[in-house]
Amino acid sequence: MFPPKLFSEKTKPKAGKYSFSGVKRRRLFRFVIDEIRKHSDCRIALCKESADVWNKMGLELSRCSCVCQLDYAEMPTGACKD
């Protein structure tokens, strides 16, 4: 999406994708969550983030209902289009 040279703080994990450091991601998530909470108490999910990040953001992983967290067999009808 963005050339790596634009983001000098990015590291390349084994998964092959570039990502910001954990500290920077948590700061970004905290800002966004705080802004959302000013207007809504909607459910917030941090798809593909670790349980540690969820906990540090004060989110309950058990409340996650993201399709990406479900096994294919558990997906509601129509949630996955082949």
C-alpha atoms as a PDB file:
ATOM      1  CA  MET A   1       0.000   0.000   0.000  1.00  0.00           C
ATOM      2  CA  PHE A   2       2.705   2.501   1.015  1.00  0.00           C
ATOM      3  CA  PRO A   3       6.348   2.209   0.065  1.00  0.00           C
ATOM      4  CA  PRO A   4       8.327   1.202   3.191  1.00  0.00           C
ATOM      5  CA  LYS A   5      10.648   4.199   2.840  1.00  0.00           C
ATOM      6  CA  LEU A   6       7.761   6.508   3.812  1.00  0.00           C
ATOM      7  CA  PHE A   7       7.580   4.966   7.271  1.00  0.00           C
ATOM      8  CA  SER A   8      11.004   4.560   8.791  1.00  0.00           C
ATOM      9  CA  GLU A   9       9.555   3.162  12.045  1.00  0.00           C
ATOM     10  CA  LYS A  10       7.937   0.229  10.308  1.00  0.00           C
ATOM     11  CA  THR A  11       9.260  -3.254  10.823  1.00  0.00           C
ATOM     12  CA  LYS A  12       8.692  -6.262   8.617  1.00  0.00           C
ATOM     13  CA  PRO A  13       7.403  -9.215  10.650  1.00  0.00           C
ATOM     14  CA  LYS A  14       7.630 -12.816   9.526  1.00  0.00           C
ATOM     15  CA  ALA A  15       4.143 -12.578   8.006  1.00  0.00           C
ATOM     16  CA  GLY A  16       5.673 -10.331   5.350  1.00  0.00           C
ATOM     17  CA  LYS A  17       3.559  -7.250   5.977  1.00  0.00           C
ATOM     18  CA  TYR A  18       4.898  -3.938   7.167  1.00  0.00           C
ATOM     19  CA  SER A  19       3.534  -2.635  10.413  1.00  0.00           C
ATOM     20  CA  PHE A  20       4.067   0.106  12.955  1.00  0.00           C
ATOM     21  CA  SER A  21       5.686  -0.753  16.273  1.00  0.00           C
ATOM     22  CA  GLY A  22       3.416  -1.954  19.078  1.00  0.00           C
ATOM     23  CA  VAL A  23       3.816   1.332  20.944  1.00  0.00           C
ATOM     24  CA  LYS A  24       2.845   3.414  17.918  1.00  0.00           C
ATOM     25  CA  ARG A  25      -0.123   1.129  17.081  1.00  0.00           C
ATOM     26  CA  ARG A  26      -1.398   1.373  20.667  1.00  0.00           C
ATOM     27  CA  ARG A  27      -1.134   5.175  20.559  1.00  0.00           C
ATOM     28  CA  LEU A  28      -3.076   5.257  17.293  1.00  0.00           C
ATOM     29  CA  PHE A  29      -5.705   2.828  18.587  1.00  0.00           C
ATOM     30  CA  ARG A  30      -6.083   4.801  21.840  1.00  0.00           C
ATOM     31  CA  PHE A  31      -6.684   8.024  19.912  1.00  0.00           C
ATOM     32  CA  VAL A  32      -9.237   6.436  17.572  1.00  0.00           C
ATOM     33  CA  ILE A  33     -11.059   4.602  20.385  1.00  0.00           C
ATOM     34  CA  ASP A  34     -11.257   7.792  22.455  1.00  0.00           C
ATOM     35  CA  GLU A  35     -12.661   9.703  19.468  1.00  0.00           C
ATOM     36  CA  ILE A  36     -15.268   7.002  18.786  1.00  0.00           C
ATOM     37  CA  ARG A  37     -16.280   6.927  22.461  1.00  0.00           C
ATOM     38  CA  LYS A  38     -17.018  10.669  22.357  1.00  0.00           C
ATOM     39  CA  HIS A  39     -19.919   9.860  20.034  1.00  0.00           C
ATOM     40  CA  SER A  40     -20.885   6.220  20.455  1.00  0.00           C
ATOM     41  CA  ASP A  41     -20.723   3.185  22.694  1.00  0.00           C
ATOM     42  CA  CYS A  42     -20.667   0.886  19.659  1.00  0.00           C
ATOM     43  CA  ARG A  43     -18.663  -2.307  19.680  1.00  0.00           C
ATOM     44  CA  ILE A  44     -15.049  -1.771  18.650  1.00  0.00           C
ATOM     45  CA  ALA A  45     -12.848  -4.551  17.345  1.00  0.00           C
ATOM     46  CA  LEU A  46      -9.162  -4.566  16.522  1.00  0.00           C
ATOM     47  CA  CYS A  47      -9.158  -7.286  13.908  1.00  0.00           C
ATOM     48  CA  LYS A  48      -6.022  -9.370  13.727  1.00  0.00           C
ATOM     49  CA  GLU A  49      -4.454  -7.713  16.786  1.00  0.00           C
ATOM     50  CA  SER A  50      -3.201  -9.803  19.692  1.00  0.00           C
ATOM     51  CA  ALA A  51      -5.120 -10.337  22.925  1.00  0.00           C
ATOM     52  CA  ASP A  52      -2.425  -8.253  24.629  1.00  0.00           C
ATOM     53  CA  VAL A  53      -3.275  -5.225  22.464  1.00  0.00           C
ATOM     54  CA  TRP A  54      -7.007  -5.715  23.077  1.00  0.00           C
ATOM     55  CA  ASN A  55      -6.401  -5.835  26.830  1.00  0.00           C
ATOM     56  CA  LYS A  56      -4.178  -2.751  26.814  1.00  0.00           C
ATOM     57  CA  MET A  57      -6.906  -0.858  24.942  1.00  0.00           C
ATOM     58  CA  GLY A  58      -9.509  -1.918  27.518  1.00  0.00           C
ATOM     59  CA  LEU A  59     -11.448  -4.021  25.021  1.00  0.00           C
ATOM     60  CA  GLU A  60     -12.920  -7.430  25.770  1.00  0.00           C
ATOM     61  CA  LEU A  61     -11.711 -10.004  23.272  1.00  0.00           C
ATOM     62  CA  SER A  62     -14.685 -12.188  24.210  1.00  0.00           C
ATOM     63  CA  ARG A  63     -16.978  -9.523  22.685  1.00  0.00           C
ATOM     64  CA  CYS A  64     -15.286  -9.784  19.294  1.00  0.00           C
ATOM     65  CA  SER A  65     -17.730 -10.770  16.593  1.00  0.00           C
ATOM     66  CA  CYS A  66     -15.535 -10.064  13.585  1.00  0.00           C
ATOM     67  CA  VAL A  67     -15.929 -12.479  10.733  1.00  0.00           C
ATOM     68  CA  CYS A  68     -12.137 -12.719  10.547  1.00  0.00           C
ATOM     69  CA  GLN A  69     -12.138 -14.287  14.030  1.00  0.00           C
ATOM     70  CA  LEU A  70     -14.572 -17.066  13.104  1.00  0.00           C
ATOM     71  CA  ASP A  71     -13.804 -20.437  11.617  1.00  0.00           C
ATOM     72  CA  TYR A  72     -15.429 -20.931   8.216  1.00  0.00           C
ATOM     73  CA  ALA A  73     -17.867 -23.474   9.716  1.00  0.00           C
ATOM     74  CA  GLU A  74     -19.004 -20.949  12.349  1.00  0.00           C
ATOM     75  CA  MET A  75     -19.690 -18.099   9.916  1.00  0.00           C
ATOM     76  CA  PRO A  76     -23.270 -16.890   9.683  1.00  0.00           C
ATOM     77  CA  THR A  77     -25.009 -17.594   6.389  1.00  0.00           C
ATOM     78  CA  GLY A  78     -23.986 -15.025   3.814  1.00  0.00           C
ATOM     79  CA  ALA A  79     -20.961 -13.817   5.773  1.00  0.00           C
ATOM     80  CA  CYS A  80     -18.506 -15.338   3.338  1.00  0.00           C
ATOM     81  CA  LYS A  81     -18.897 -15.094  -0.401  1.00  0.00           C
ATOM     82  CA  ASP A  82     -16.689 -17.352  -2.481  1.00  0.00           C
END
